[in-house]
Amino acid sequence: MATIKSGSEGLKKAIAWISEQRKDNPEKNVALIAEEANFRFDLNPEESAFVLRFVKDPDS
């Protein structure tokens, strides 16, 4: 049986993963990190848009 994830569970995991990726790979293109997070954590369009804003904010 498939597990239903909470609407924000995937987003929380994606943000944590993105933060880790940015520390480990500072030279990697942030848009590519965001795109990978979208697929890896099965984000919906609203979450995907938030992730893109998150990676482009220099204070994040």
N, C-alpha and C. Protein backbone atom coordinates (compact mmCIF):
# COMPACT_ATOMS: atom_id res chain seq x y z
N MET A 1 0.85 -1.18 0.00
CA MET A 1 0.00 0.00 0.00
C MET A 1 0.89 1.24 0.00
N ALA A 2 0.53 2.22 -0.78
CA ALA A 2 1.30 3.46 -0.87
C ALA A 2 1.08 4.32 0.37
N THR A 3 2.11 5.02 0.74
CA THR A 3 2.02 5.93 1.88
C THR A 3 1.69 7.32 1.37
N ILE A 4 0.75 7.97 1.99
CA ILE A 4 0.39 9.34 1.63
C ILE A 4 1.24 10.27 2.48
N LYS A 5 1.95 11.17 1.79
CA LYS A 5 2.80 12.09 2.55
C LYS A 5 2.07 13.39 2.81
N SER A 6 2.43 14.00 3.88
CA SER A 6 1.86 15.30 4.23
C SER A 6 2.27 16.31 3.18
N GLY A 7 1.45 17.32 2.94
CA GLY A 7 1.74 18.32 1.93
C GLY A 7 3.06 19.02 2.13
N SER A 8 3.47 19.21 3.35
CA SER A 8 4.70 19.95 3.58
C SER A 8 5.88 19.04 3.92
N GLU A 9 5.65 17.75 4.10
CA GLU A 9 6.73 16.83 4.45
C GLU A 9 7.80 16.81 3.35
N GLY A 10 7.38 16.66 2.12
CA GLY A 10 8.33 16.64 1.00
C GLY A 10 9.07 17.95 0.86
N LEU A 11 8.37 19.05 1.08
CA LEU A 11 8.98 20.36 0.98
C LEU A 11 10.04 20.55 2.06
N LYS A 12 9.75 20.13 3.28
CA LYS A 12 10.72 20.23 4.37
C LYS A 12 11.97 19.43 4.05
N LYS A 13 11.78 18.22 3.56
CA LYS A 13 12.92 17.37 3.20
C LYS A 13 13.71 17.98 2.05
N ALA A 14 13.00 18.56 1.09
CA ALA A 14 13.67 19.18 -0.05
C ALA A 14 14.52 20.36 0.39
N ILE A 15 14.00 21.20 1.27
CA ILE A 15 14.75 22.37 1.75
C ILE A 15 16.01 21.91 2.49
N ALA A 16 15.87 20.90 3.33
CA ALA A 16 17.03 20.38 4.07
C ALA A 16 18.06 19.81 3.09
N TRP A 17 17.59 19.07 2.10
CA TRP A 17 18.48 18.48 1.12
C TRP A 17 19.19 19.55 0.30
N ILE A 18 18.44 20.58 -0.12
CA ILE A 18 19.02 21.68 -0.89
C ILE A 18 20.09 22.39 -0.07
N SER A 19 19.82 22.65 1.17
CA SER A 19 20.81 23.31 2.03
C SER A 19 22.09 22.49 2.12
N GLU A 20 21.93 21.19 2.26
CA GLU A 20 23.09 20.30 2.32
C GLU A 20 23.86 20.32 1.00
N GLN A 21 23.13 20.28 -0.10
CA GLN A 21 23.77 20.30 -1.42
C GLN A 21 24.54 21.59 -1.66
N ARG A 22 23.98 22.69 -1.22
CA ARG A 22 24.65 23.99 -1.41
C ARG A 22 25.93 24.08 -0.58
N LYS A 23 25.95 23.46 0.59
CA LYS A 23 27.16 23.45 1.41
C LYS A 23 28.22 22.53 0.81
N ASP A 24 27.77 21.35 0.36
CA ASP A 24 28.70 20.35 -0.18
C ASP A 24 29.18 20.67 -1.59
N ASN A 25 28.37 21.37 -2.36
CA ASN A 25 28.68 21.67 -3.77
C ASN A 25 28.40 23.14 -4.09
N PRO A 26 29.15 24.06 -3.50
CA PRO A 26 28.84 25.48 -3.69
C PRO A 26 28.95 25.96 -5.15
N GLU A 27 29.69 25.20 -5.96
CA GLU A 27 29.85 25.59 -7.36
C GLU A 27 28.70 25.11 -8.25
N LYS A 28 27.85 24.21 -7.74
CA LYS A 28 26.76 23.66 -8.53
C LYS A 28 25.67 24.71 -8.75
N ASN A 29 25.14 24.73 -9.94
CA ASN A 29 24.09 25.67 -10.32
C ASN A 29 22.86 25.46 -9.45
N VAL A 30 22.39 26.53 -8.81
CA VAL A 30 21.26 26.42 -7.88
C VAL A 30 19.97 26.01 -8.58
N ALA A 31 19.80 26.41 -9.83
CA ALA A 31 18.59 26.01 -10.56
C ALA A 31 18.59 24.51 -10.79
N LEU A 32 19.76 23.92 -11.03
CA LEU A 32 19.84 22.47 -11.21
C LEU A 32 19.56 21.74 -9.89
N ILE A 33 20.04 22.31 -8.80
CA ILE A 33 19.74 21.73 -7.48
C ILE A 33 18.23 21.75 -7.24
N ALA A 34 17.60 22.87 -7.54
CA ALA A 34 16.15 23.00 -7.35
C ALA A 34 15.39 22.01 -8.22
N GLU A 35 15.82 21.86 -9.47
CA GLU A 35 15.15 20.93 -10.38
C GLU A 35 15.28 19.49 -9.87
N GLU A 36 16.48 19.13 -9.40
CA GLU A 36 16.67 17.79 -8.87
C GLU A 36 15.80 17.56 -7.63
N ALA A 37 15.70 18.57 -6.77
CA ALA A 37 14.86 18.45 -5.58
C ALA A 37 13.40 18.25 -5.95
N ASN A 38 12.95 18.94 -6.99
CA ASN A 38 11.56 18.80 -7.44
C ASN A 38 11.24 17.35 -7.77
N PHE A 39 12.15 16.69 -8.49
CA PHE A 39 11.92 15.29 -8.86
C PHE A 39 12.15 14.35 -7.70
N ARG A 40 13.22 14.58 -6.96
CA ARG A 40 13.59 13.69 -5.86
C ARG A 40 12.50 13.62 -4.78
N PHE A 41 11.86 14.77 -4.50
CA PHE A 41 10.87 14.84 -3.43
C PHE A 41 9.44 14.97 -3.93
N ASP A 42 9.25 14.80 -5.24
CA ASP A 42 7.92 14.79 -5.86
C ASP A 42 7.10 16.01 -5.44
N LEU A 43 7.68 17.19 -5.66
CA LEU A 43 7.03 18.43 -5.25
C LEU A 43 5.95 18.83 -6.24
N ASN A 44 4.89 19.46 -5.73
CA ASN A 44 3.83 19.95 -6.60
C ASN A 44 4.27 21.31 -7.18
N PRO A 45 3.52 21.88 -8.12
CA PRO A 45 3.94 23.14 -8.75
C PRO A 45 4.16 24.29 -7.76
N GLU A 46 3.32 24.41 -6.76
CA GLU A 46 3.50 25.49 -5.77
C GLU A 46 4.77 25.30 -4.98
N GLU A 47 5.02 24.06 -4.56
CA GLU A 47 6.24 23.76 -3.81
C GLU A 47 7.47 23.99 -4.69
N SER A 48 7.38 23.61 -5.96
CA SER A 48 8.49 23.81 -6.89
C SER A 48 8.82 25.29 -7.05
N ALA A 49 7.80 26.12 -7.14
CA ALA A 49 8.01 27.56 -7.26
C ALA A 49 8.68 28.10 -5.99
N PHE A 50 8.24 27.63 -4.84
CA PHE A 50 8.84 28.06 -3.58
C PHE A 50 10.32 27.66 -3.53
N VAL A 51 10.62 26.44 -3.93
CA VAL A 51 12.00 25.96 -3.92
C VAL A 51 12.88 26.83 -4.82
N LEU A 52 12.37 27.18 -5.98
CA LEU A 52 13.16 28.02 -6.89
C LEU A 52 13.42 29.39 -6.27
N ARG A 53 12.43 29.97 -5.62
CA ARG A 53 12.65 31.24 -4.91
C ARG A 53 13.65 31.06 -3.78
N PHE A 54 13.56 29.95 -3.08
CA PHE A 54 14.46 29.67 -1.95
C PHE A 54 15.92 29.61 -2.41
N VAL A 55 16.18 28.91 -3.51
CA VAL A 55 17.57 28.77 -3.95
C VAL A 55 18.12 30.06 -4.55
N LYS A 56 17.27 30.91 -5.06
CA LYS A 56 17.74 32.14 -5.67
C LYS A 56 17.93 33.26 -4.66
N ASP A 57 17.42 33.09 -3.44
CA ASP A 57 17.58 34.09 -2.38
C ASP A 57 18.98 33.94 -1.77
N PRO A 58 19.82 34.96 -1.91
CA PRO A 58 21.19 34.84 -1.41
C PRO A 58 21.29 34.72 0.11
N ASP A 59 20.22 35.04 0.84
CA ASP A 59 20.24 34.95 2.30
C ASP A 59 19.75 33.61 2.83
N SER A 60 19.38 32.70 1.91
CA SER A 60 18.85 31.41 2.37
C SER A 60 19.96 30.46 2.72
